Protein backbone atom coordinates (compact mmCIF):
# COMPACT_ATOMS: atom_id res chain seq x y z
CA UNK A 1 29.48 -5.77 -15.12
CA UNK A 2 25.79 -4.99 -14.87
CA UNK A 3 24.89 -1.29 -14.94
CA UNK A 4 23.76 -0.15 -11.45
CA UNK A 5 20.26 0.89 -12.50
CA UNK A 6 19.73 -2.45 -14.22
CA UNK A 7 20.59 -4.18 -10.94
CA UNK A 8 18.16 -2.00 -9.00
CA UNK A 9 15.42 -2.49 -11.57
CA UNK A 10 16.00 -6.24 -11.65
CA UNK A 11 15.53 -6.50 -7.90
CA UNK A 12 12.33 -4.44 -8.08
CA UNK A 13 10.95 -6.72 -10.78
CA UNK A 14 11.83 -9.81 -8.72
CA UNK A 15 10.03 -8.31 -5.72
CA UNK A 16 6.91 -7.59 -7.76
CA UNK A 17 6.97 -11.04 -9.38
CA UNK A 18 7.03 -12.66 -5.93
CA UNK A 19 3.72 -10.94 -5.17
CA UNK A 20 2.11 -11.61 -8.57
CA UNK A 21 -1.36 -13.11 -7.97
CA UNK A 22 -1.07 -15.38 -11.00
CA UNK A 23 2.07 -16.89 -9.50
CA UNK A 24 0.85 -17.47 -5.96
CA UNK A 25 -2.93 -17.95 -5.97
CA UNK A 26 -2.93 -21.71 -6.64
CA UNK A 27 -1.56 -22.45 -3.20
CA UNK A 28 -4.38 -20.63 -1.42
CA UNK A 29 -7.59 -21.96 -3.00
CA UNK A 30 -10.24 -22.87 -0.40
CA UNK A 31 -12.29 -26.06 -0.51
CA UNK A 32 -15.33 -25.99 -2.73
CA UNK A 33 -18.52 -25.47 -0.72
CA UNK A 34 -21.89 -27.19 -1.11
CA UNK A 35 -23.48 -23.89 -2.09
CA UNK A 36 -22.56 -20.77 -4.04
CA UNK A 37 -19.15 -19.11 -4.36
CA UNK A 38 -19.25 -15.33 -4.15
CA UNK A 39 -16.04 -13.40 -4.81
CA UNK A 40 -15.69 -9.88 -3.42
CA UNK A 41 -12.62 -7.71 -3.42
CA UNK A 42 -11.02 -4.29 -3.37
CA UNK A 43 -7.61 -2.73 -3.83
CA UNK A 44 -5.16 -1.54 -6.43
CA UNK A 45 -4.37 -5.15 -7.36
CA UNK A 46 -7.90 -6.51 -6.92
CA UNK A 47 -8.59 -7.01 -10.63
CA UNK A 48 -5.41 -9.05 -11.07
CA UNK A 49 -6.30 -11.08 -7.98
CA UNK A 50 -9.79 -11.69 -9.38
CA UNK A 51 -8.48 -12.82 -12.76
CA UNK A 52 -5.93 -15.14 -11.16
CA UNK A 53 -8.55 -16.61 -8.84
CA UNK A 54 -11.17 -17.29 -11.51
CA UNK A 55 -8.56 -18.94 -13.76
CA UNK A 56 -7.43 -21.20 -10.93
CA UNK A 57 -10.90 -22.00 -9.55
CA UNK A 58 -12.53 -25.24 -10.68
CA UNK A 59 -16.23 -24.55 -10.45
CA UNK A 60 -18.91 -21.88 -10.78
CA UNK A 61 -18.43 -18.50 -9.16
CA UNK A 62 -19.80 -14.97 -9.30
CA UNK A 63 -18.85 -11.66 -7.82
CA UNK A 64 -17.43 -8.17 -8.01
CA UNK A 65 -14.18 -6.38 -7.21
CA UNK A 66 -13.28 -2.68 -7.24
CA UNK A 67 -9.91 -1.26 -8.26
CA UNK A 68 -8.34 2.10 -9.02
CA UNK A 69 -8.96 3.84 -12.33
CA UNK A 70 -6.51 2.51 -14.90
CA UNK A 71 -5.84 -0.72 -13.00
CA UNK A 72 -8.61 -2.82 -14.56
CA UNK A 73 -7.82 -6.10 -16.32
CA UNK A 74 -10.45 -8.22 -18.09
CA UNK A 75 -12.12 -11.03 -16.16
CA UNK A 76 -14.38 -13.70 -17.62
CA UNK A 77 -16.80 -14.31 -14.75
CA UNK A 78 -16.17 -11.54 -12.23
CA UNK A 79 -17.18 -7.92 -12.64
CA UNK A 80 -14.56 -5.20 -12.17
CA UNK A 81 -15.53 -1.67 -11.17
CA UNK A 82 -13.05 1.21 -11.22
CA UNK A 83 -13.12 3.99 -8.65
CA UNK A 84 -10.98 6.81 -7.29
CA UNK A 85 -7.87 6.50 -5.13
CA UNK A 86 -6.59 7.96 -2.80
CA UNK A 87 -9.67 10.19 -2.33
CA UNK A 88 -12.93 8.23 -2.83
CA UNK A 89 -15.68 9.05 -5.32
CA UNK A 90 -19.24 8.09 -6.32
CA UNK A 91 -18.09 4.95 -8.13
CA UNK A 92 -16.51 3.68 -4.95
CA UNK A 93 -19.69 4.44 -3.06
CA UNK A 94 -21.70 2.46 -5.60
CA UNK A 95 -19.22 -0.43 -5.44
CA UNK A 96 -19.50 -0.60 -1.64
CA UNK A 97 -23.29 -0.79 -1.85
CA UNK A 98 -23.17 -3.54 -4.45
CA UNK A 99 -20.66 -5.59 -2.48
CA UNK A 100 -22.88 -5.44 0.58
CA UNK A 101 -25.87 -6.48 -1.54
CA UNK A 102 -23.93 -9.41 -3.03
CA UNK A 103 -23.42 -11.05 0.35
CA UNK A 104 -26.98 -10.66 1.60
CA UNK A 105 -29.20 -13.70 2.19
CA UNK A 106 -26.44 -16.32 1.95
CA UNK A 107 -26.57 -19.67 3.71
CA UNK A 108 -24.10 -21.61 5.83
CA UNK A 109 -23.38 -23.74 2.74
CA UNK A 110 -22.15 -20.73 0.75
CA UNK A 111 -18.59 -19.42 0.53
CA UNK A 112 -17.44 -15.81 0.21
CA UNK A 113 -13.88 -15.34 -1.04
CA UNK A 114 -12.53 -11.88 -0.23
CA UNK A 115 -9.58 -10.63 -2.29
CA UNK A 116 -8.18 -7.65 -0.40
CA UNK A 117 -5.06 -5.58 -1.00
CA UNK A 118 -3.74 -2.07 -0.44
CA UNK A 119 -5.93 0.77 -1.64
CA UNK A 120 -9.19 -0.84 -0.53
CA UNK A 121 -9.73 1.77 2.19
CA UNK A 122 -10.15 4.58 -0.32
CA UNK A 123 -11.92 2.45 -2.91
CA UNK A 124 -14.69 1.42 -0.48
CA UNK A 125 -16.34 4.58 0.85
CA UNK A 126 -19.47 3.72 2.82
CA UNK A 127 -20.30 6.56 5.19
CA UNK A 128 -22.72 5.84 8.05
CA UNK A 129 -25.97 7.75 8.48
CA UNK A 130 -25.41 11.46 8.96
CA UNK A 131 -22.09 11.46 7.10
CA UNK A 132 -21.83 12.42 3.43
CA UNK A 133 -19.40 11.25 0.78
CA UNK A 134 -17.95 14.78 0.85
CA UNK A 135 -17.28 14.32 4.57
CA UNK A 136 -15.48 11.03 3.92
CA UNK A 137 -13.46 12.66 1.15
CA UNK A 138 -12.44 15.47 3.51
CA UNK A 139 -11.49 12.89 6.13
CA UNK A 140 -9.26 11.03 3.65
CA UNK A 141 -7.53 14.24 2.59
CA UNK A 142 -6.83 15.09 6.23
CA UNK A 143 -5.51 11.60 6.94
CA UNK A 144 -3.19 11.69 3.94
CA UNK A 145 -1.73 15.06 4.96
CA UNK A 146 -1.35 14.20 8.65
CA UNK A 147 1.84 12.13 8.60
CA UNK A 148 0.09 9.31 10.49
CA UNK A 149 1.19 5.73 9.64
CA UNK A 150 -1.18 3.68 7.51
CA UNK A 151 -2.23 1.44 10.40
CA UNK A 152 -3.38 4.46 12.42
CA UNK A 153 -5.22 5.94 9.44
CA UNK A 154 -7.07 2.67 8.96
CA UNK A 155 -8.14 2.54 12.62
CA UNK A 156 -10.01 5.78 11.98
CA UNK A 157 -11.41 4.67 8.63
CA UNK A 158 -12.83 1.39 9.96
CA UNK A 159 -14.82 3.26 12.61
CA UNK A 160 -16.38 5.61 10.05
CA UNK A 161 -17.79 3.01 7.67
CA UNK A 162 -20.62 0.61 6.94
CA UNK A 163 -18.31 -1.88 5.23
CA UNK A 164 -14.86 -1.77 6.84
CA UNK A 165 -13.73 -3.24 10.17
CA UNK A 166 -15.26 -6.67 9.49
CA UNK A 167 -18.69 -5.34 8.55
CA UNK A 168 -18.67 -6.92 5.06
CA UNK A 169 -17.99 -10.35 6.57
CA UNK A 170 -20.65 -9.80 9.20
CA UNK A 171 -23.16 -9.00 6.45
CA UNK A 172 -22.26 -12.31 4.76
CA UNK A 173 -23.01 -14.43 7.86
CA UNK A 174 -23.81 -17.36 8.07
CA UNK A 175 -21.70 -17.97 4.96
CA UNK A 176 -18.05 -18.75 5.55
CA UNK A 177 -15.65 -15.98 4.49
CA UNK A 178 -12.11 -16.80 3.38
CA UNK A 179 -9.95 -13.68 3.05
CA UNK A 180 -6.88 -13.79 0.79
CA UNK A 181 -4.75 -10.77 1.63
CA UNK A 182 -1.89 -9.09 -0.20
CA UNK A 183 -0.37 -7.09 2.64
CA UNK A 184 0.82 -3.51 2.29
CA UNK A 185 0.87 -3.01 6.07
CA UNK A 186 4.11 -3.02 8.08
CA UNK A 187 3.95 -6.09 10.29
CA UNK A 188 1.37 -7.75 7.99
CA UNK A 189 -1.57 -7.29 10.34
CA UNK A 190 -4.33 -8.51 8.03
CA UNK A 191 -7.10 -6.54 9.75
CA UNK A 192 -5.38 -3.28 8.80
CA UNK A 193 -5.03 -4.06 5.07
CA UNK A 194 -7.71 -2.01 3.33
CA UNK A 195 -9.18 -1.26 6.77
CA UNK A 196 -10.24 -4.90 7.05
CA UNK A 197 -13.65 -5.11 5.35
CA UNK A 198 -13.81 -8.82 6.20
CA UNK A 199 -11.62 -8.89 9.32
CA UNK A 200 -12.48 -7.51 12.75
CA UNK A 201 -9.81 -6.46 15.22
CA UNK A 202 -9.45 -5.17 18.79
CA UNK A 203 -9.17 -1.45 17.98
CA UNK A 204 -12.01 0.79 19.14
CA UNK A 205 -13.36 4.28 18.58
CA UNK A 206 -11.51 5.58 21.64
CA UNK A 207 -8.26 4.63 19.92
CA UNK A 208 -9.45 6.39 16.76
CA UNK A 209 -10.14 9.58 18.73
CA UNK A 210 -6.71 9.37 20.39
CA UNK A 211 -5.02 9.15 16.98
CA UNK A 212 -6.98 12.15 15.72
CA UNK A 213 -5.82 14.22 18.69
CA UNK A 214 -2.25 12.95 18.44
CA UNK A 215 -1.83 14.14 14.85
CA UNK A 216 -3.96 17.27 15.17
CA UNK A 217 -6.34 16.16 12.44
CA UNK A 218 -9.16 18.51 11.46
CA UNK A 219 -12.07 16.23 10.55
CA UNK A 220 -15.66 17.19 9.64
CA UNK A 221 -17.99 17.74 12.59
CA UNK A 222 -20.26 14.91 11.42
CA UNK A 223 -17.38 12.42 11.65
CA UNK A 224 -16.31 13.61 15.08
CA UNK A 225 -19.90 13.33 16.34
CA UNK A 226 -20.12 9.82 14.93
CA UNK A 227 -16.89 8.75 16.64
CA UNK A 228 -18.17 10.10 19.95
CA UNK A 229 -21.22 7.82 19.71
CA UNK A 230 -21.68 4.07 20.08
CA UNK A 231 -22.78 3.94 16.43
CA UNK A 232 -19.06 3.94 15.55
CA UNK A 233 -18.37 0.72 17.46
CA UNK A 234 -16.96 -1.90 15.11
CA UNK A 235 -17.67 -5.64 15.31
CA UNK A 236 -15.49 -7.56 17.75
CA UNK A 237 -13.29 -10.42 16.52
CA UNK A 238 -14.81 -12.88 19.03
CA UNK A 239 -18.33 -12.51 17.62
CA UNK A 240 -20.00 -15.71 16.40
CA UNK A 241 -20.26 -14.39 12.82
CA UNK A 242 -16.47 -14.66 12.42
CA UNK A 243 -15.99 -18.10 14.01
CA UNK A 244 -15.73 -20.13 10.77
CA UNK A 245 -13.85 -17.53 8.76
CA UNK A 246 -10.26 -17.90 7.55
CA UNK A 247 -7.63 -15.23 6.91
CA UNK A 248 -4.50 -15.84 4.84
CA UNK A 249 -1.75 -13.33 3.97
CA UNK A 250 -0.68 -14.66 0.59
CA UNK A 251 1.92 -12.00 -0.30
CA UNK A 252 3.90 -9.49 1.75
CA UNK A 253 6.86 -7.14 1.71
CA UNK A 254 9.00 -9.70 3.52
CA UNK A 255 8.46 -12.33 0.84
CA UNK A 256 9.16 -9.81 -1.93
CA UNK A 257 12.34 -8.49 -0.32
CA UNK A 258 13.63 -12.04 0.03
CA UNK A 259 12.97 -12.59 -3.68
CA UNK A 260 14.92 -9.41 -4.47
CA UNK A 261 17.80 -10.54 -2.25
CA UNK A 262 17.83 -13.95 -3.95
CA UNK A 263 17.91 -12.25 -7.37
CA UNK A 264 20.89 -10.15 -6.27
CA UNK A 265 22.69 -13.18 -4.85
CA UNK A 266 22.27 -14.96 -8.17
CA UNK A 267 24.12 -12.04 -9.77
CA UNK A 268 26.91 -12.27 -7.23
CA UNK A 269 25.91 -9.53 -4.81
CA UNK A 270 25.53 -9.71 -1.04
CA UNK A 271 22.09 -8.27 -0.22
CA UNK A 272 21.07 -7.39 3.33
CA UNK A 273 17.40 -6.95 4.30
CA UNK A 274 17.27 -4.21 6.93
CA UNK A 275 13.54 -4.52 7.66
CA UNK A 276 10.26 -5.12 5.87
CA UNK A 277 8.25 -2.86 8.20
CA UNK A 278 9.93 0.54 8.35
CA UNK A 279 7.61 3.44 9.13
CA UNK A 280 8.21 7.13 9.76
CA UNK A 281 8.59 10.42 7.94
CA UNK A 282 9.80 9.72 4.39
CA UNK A 283 12.59 12.27 4.39
CA UNK A 284 13.89 11.01 7.74
CA UNK A 285 13.91 7.43 6.48
CA UNK A 286 15.77 8.61 3.39
CA UNK A 287 18.38 10.33 5.55
CA UNK A 288 18.75 7.24 7.72
CA UNK A 289 19.35 5.05 4.68
CA UNK A 290 21.84 7.62 3.37
CA UNK A 291 23.80 7.57 6.62
CA UNK A 292 23.96 3.77 6.57
CA UNK A 293 25.01 3.69 2.89
CA UNK A 294 27.82 6.18 3.58
CA UNK A 295 29.00 4.07 6.50
CA UNK A 296 29.31 1.08 4.17
CA UNK A 297 30.93 3.13 1.40
CA UNK A 298 33.50 4.84 3.62
CA UNK A 299 34.14 2.36 6.45
CA UNK A 300 32.97 -1.08 5.24
CA UNK A 301 30.61 -1.33 8.20
CA UNK A 302 28.22 -2.74 9.23
CA UNK A 303 28.59 -4.52 5.87
CA UNK A 304 31.59 -4.78 3.57
CA UNK A 305 31.19 -3.34 0.10
CA UNK A 306 30.14 -4.16 -2.50
CA UNK A 307 26.78 -4.55 -0.82
CA UNK A 308 23.07 -4.08 -1.40
CA UNK A 309 20.72 -2.77 1.29
CA UNK A 310 17.02 -3.62 1.02
CA UNK A 311 14.06 -2.43 3.05
CA UNK A 312 10.29 -2.14 2.92
CA UNK A 313 7.35 -0.86 4.93
CA UNK A 314 5.34 2.30 4.47
CA UNK A 315 6.62 5.77 5.21
CA UNK A 316 4.53 8.94 5.38
CA UNK A 317 4.77 12.54 4.22
CA UNK A 318 3.64 15.44 6.39
CA UNK A 319 2.98 18.37 4.07
CA UNK A 320 5.13 21.36 4.94
CA UNK A 321 3.98 24.96 5.13
CA UNK A 322 6.27 25.71 2.21
CA UNK A 323 4.62 23.02 0.12
CA UNK A 324 1.04 23.97 0.92
CA UNK A 325 0.01 20.70 -0.70
CA UNK A 326 0.97 21.97 -4.16
CA UNK A 327 4.05 19.81 -4.75
CA UNK A 328 3.99 16.64 -6.81
CA UNK A 329 5.28 13.30 -5.69
CA UNK A 330 4.82 10.55 -3.15
CA UNK A 331 6.50 9.08 -0.13
CA UNK A 332 9.11 7.11 -2.08
CA UNK A 333 10.11 10.03 -4.28
CA UNK A 334 10.40 12.27 -1.23
CA UNK A 335 12.51 9.70 0.62
CA UNK A 336 14.71 9.28 -2.45
CA UNK A 337 15.33 13.03 -2.70
CA UNK A 338 16.29 13.18 0.98
CA UNK A 339 18.67 10.28 0.35
CA UNK A 340 20.17 12.13 -2.63
CA UNK A 341 21.01 15.09 -0.42
CA UNK A 342 22.63 12.79 2.14
CA UNK A 343 24.84 10.90 -0.34
CA UNK A 344 25.77 13.87 -2.55
CA UNK A 345 29.25 13.37 -3.99
CA UNK A 346 29.42 9.65 -3.11
CA UNK A 347 30.01 8.14 -6.55
CA UNK A 348 29.77 4.54 -5.40
CA UNK A 349 26.17 4.76 -4.11
CA UNK A 350 23.12 4.11 -6.30
CA UNK A 351 19.53 3.64 -5.15
CA UNK A 352 15.93 3.05 -6.17
CA UNK A 353 12.98 3.96 -3.95
CA UNK A 354 9.63 2.84 -5.41
CA UNK A 355 6.12 1.68 -4.61
CA UNK A 356 5.47 -1.91 -5.64
CA UNK A 357 2.02 -1.04 -7.02
CA UNK A 358 3.65 1.15 -9.67
CA UNK A 359 2.24 4.47 -8.48
CA UNK A 360 3.97 6.64 -5.90
CA UNK A 361 1.46 9.20 -4.71
CA UNK A 362 -0.65 10.95 -7.30
CA UNK A 363 1.63 10.99 -10.35
CA UNK A 364 2.57 8.37 -12.96
CA UNK A 365 5.84 7.14 -11.48
CA UNK A 366 6.56 4.23 -9.16
CA UNK A 367 9.45 6.15 -7.61
CA UNK A 368 12.88 7.43 -8.57
CA UNK A 369 16.52 6.55 -9.07
CA UNK A 370 19.21 8.44 -7.17
CA UNK A 371 22.98 8.39 -6.95
CA UNK A 372 25.83 10.52 -5.69
CA UNK A 373 25.48 12.87 -8.66
CA UNK A 374 21.75 13.65 -8.33
CA UNK A 375 22.17 16.89 -6.38
CA UNK A 376 25.01 18.11 -8.62
CA UNK A 377 23.02 17.41 -11.79
CA UNK A 378 20.17 19.50 -10.44
CA UNK A 379 22.60 22.26 -9.52
CA UNK A 380 24.04 22.25 -13.06
CA UNK A 381 20.67 23.38 -14.39
CA UNK A 382 20.21 25.93 -11.59
CA UNK A 383 17.83 23.76 -9.58
CA UNK A 384 18.06 23.25 -5.82
CA UNK A 385 17.30 19.77 -4.44
CA UNK A 386 16.72 21.15 -0.94
CA UNK A 387 14.15 23.62 -2.25
CA UNK A 388 12.24 20.84 -3.99
CA UNK A 389 12.26 18.77 -0.80
CA UNK A 390 11.06 21.69 1.32
CA UNK A 391 8.10 22.12 -1.06
CA UNK A 392 7.20 18.39 -1.09
CA UNK A 393 7.87 18.49 -4.83
CA UNK A 394 10.18 15.52 -5.34
CA UNK A 395 8.43 14.38 -8.54
CA UNK A 396 9.32 17.65 -10.26
CA UNK A 397 12.96 17.38 -9.16
CA UNK A 398 13.37 13.91 -10.63
CA UNK A 399 11.33 14.73 -13.72
CA UNK A 400 13.61 17.61 -14.71
CA UNK A 401 16.70 15.32 -14.65
CA UNK A 402 14.88 12.32 -16.13
CA UNK A 403 15.35 10.09 -13.08
CA UNK A 404 11.73 9.06 -12.50
CA UNK A 405 11.10 5.31 -12.38
CA UNK A 406 7.93 4.57 -14.37
CA UNK A 407 6.45 1.07 -14.53
CA UNK A 408 2.70 1.52 -14.86
CA UNK A 409 0.35 -0.52 -12.64
CA UNK A 410 2.07 -3.72 -11.53
CA UNK A 411 -1.04 -5.64 -10.46
CA UNK A 412 0.06 -6.07 -6.87
CA UNK A 413 0.92 -3.97 -3.82
CA UNK A 414 3.29 -4.92 -1.01
CA UNK A 415 4.21 -1.31 -0.36
CA UNK A 416 7.58 0.45 -0.34
CA UNK A 417 10.64 -1.05 -1.99
CA UNK A 418 14.01 0.50 -1.23
CA UNK A 419 17.26 -0.81 -2.72
CA UNK A 420 20.69 0.77 -2.32
CA UNK A 421 23.75 -0.53 -4.15
CA UNK A 422 27.15 0.42 -2.73
CA UNK A 423 29.91 -0.45 -5.19
CA UNK A 424 33.47 -1.38 -4.27
């Protein structure tokens, strides 16, 4: 018998391996152009993408990618800049300027390869005239606290930028741009990954304003004034500058979940993929998974036990008044704690909720393990799981009972990974 946490960890590792740039990049190399090859990129796995691409590429190249602090890996030909995530900083601002400069004055014979993955939105601040970096930082903080899904957040971001929403690709015209995307967006809409610096889409500033009103966001006056003006209009996907460009999603949550399910099957377990695009409030998603796991454990429906339930997507956390933004943790840790409350006392249920990039929120963990004893073990040391959840402080709850799941940066990002094992 394999220990439950080893099974959960093994599936996570299989999911991450399926999205490893070094493993998948060979199948997505574009044709060599007559002219120069410029590589640009951004995201929490951008450095790993850059290293994999330059090792696979047969020919000269040059370029620059930006990644989160601590996520850098050495590249031989491509420069890597580190910047802040999830709230942007001056390094990100400098990186955005340099990326735009890199693609200036190219010809139709040149090729721009864009390596884009989750995290690029925050790593590429580029505020339009009249908006400061401090304004963009305040906007990001408001977005992160709003509870809005990532796709809605990125609609706003791409209309308050000089580089997002296809503007980097437009700046590269007439060069061809080939975008290789590691998707962290439910539904794998490439234009939403990293707010689409090289990919235009049909969203407009009116949609951005509707989202702001819907979630009651309090954004700086300069940003609201910008969104009310035509200056916020993003490039349209039918513009001539995008006609020759190519977009390829080379890794996604769906592919990674299938790899996890295959790993489980090889060990003799029936794994069921619920969805690769679940969105919603993290604690509610945790409760929903708990209810389904209990149904399997107690009634052998809709799946007979032993069984494994897998899901992905990207949930959100709306900060509570009790938390006041002071709690530690991320969306996966919060969902896991809500699950723990729902399955309390169910000894046959074990789970792992984690972010495939290795960092869940602002702390050092990818996520957390839970089982039917989690709540009781907290109670034994006079700690209340519900109180931690109410304060958005899931990291502290799991830290005190040593149930954090820590991997370090994984080099990729296909978003949430949820695995629940229900034993016979």
